[in-house]
């Protein structure tokens, strides 16, 4: 860093915007605010698709966290508007007015593309239960049930039961329909119904290892994300003349792996997930940090920061300090709850003990 005068440093560090005050976490991100994220189920398996992470989770029991395995998502089926699985052991990926039918989300096996019948388009949620496809139109407060989404066959359309109207996500298997409920004082839960006429659904909570895989779930388990400046070093000049200084600033930079390693303990990560278990944890953390404060994030894009293992680095800094003045060096860090997760690379400086007011990282995209 080149030699610079203190008044110039102060001018630079005073630039920027103050971060807005955080709000309470409301729960996981609903499907209406995501792209390529969905639930589906077939036979004994339940699935959570995270197209944004390039993978999906499979389990036999979301409540107990049983048989948790994560697979890579084939590029051809990423970015879907909706994902559902059917009793024919096939997966359906809906994009716009068409759908892609495959036997395997990991390999795009035996893929066939069909158009959706106009009456089956523009649904808010799609899932399969028994031998039927269900399409939920939330504004109308109805669901449409068909045996074929291409031809709109065997149509039944009925009002949604009041207890089925507020689902954040829906999925089904042969015997049951499931829906994820908005966050409550009991946390994030899901309901199980025999059909949409069932007025007394069973209620279950998500296992922590499943919750970590949901958008917004990491903050529910580990606390809201934060971004703050921490002091690194203070240099004082008590003389009556300006003094040229050259200092070594030592600080930690990178990812504090040991603090978040527990997220991976209950997962079996397939070799088809090219980033591996540790890489997947980092993707989940960057995704959580990028969310708005409403869902436990900071709206900060941290993916281009140094996510390698945290290590101490030293940087030589030269500056001229005016008489009877101080300079304070700061480093930005990101974390969850009370745990530091990522120490960012750049230094900032002020002429008093108040931290900088700007955020050194870009805002996450909407």
Foldseek 3Di string as FASTA:
>chain_A
DDAEAPVVQAVVLQDAAFADDFDDAFAFDFLVPDWQWAWEDEDQWIKTTDLVLQKMWIASDQQVLHPTEMFGFDPVQGGFSAWYAEHVCWIWGHDAQKIWIANDRRPSHPIDIAGFDPVQGDFNAWEYEAQWIWGHHLVVQKIWIANDRRVRHPIDMDGADPVPNAFSHWYYYHQWIKGWHTQDPVGTKMWIDRDRVDPDTDIGDGDLLSLLVTHLSVCVVFNFKDKDKDWQDKDWAQDQFKDKDKDKGKDKFAFACVVQVVSQVSYHYDVNSVCPSSRSSVVSVQSNQCDGSNSRHRQFRCPPFHHDHIDMDIDIDIYIYGHGWMKIKIWMFMDHDPDTTGTGDDIGMHGDPDHRRHDPTDGHDD
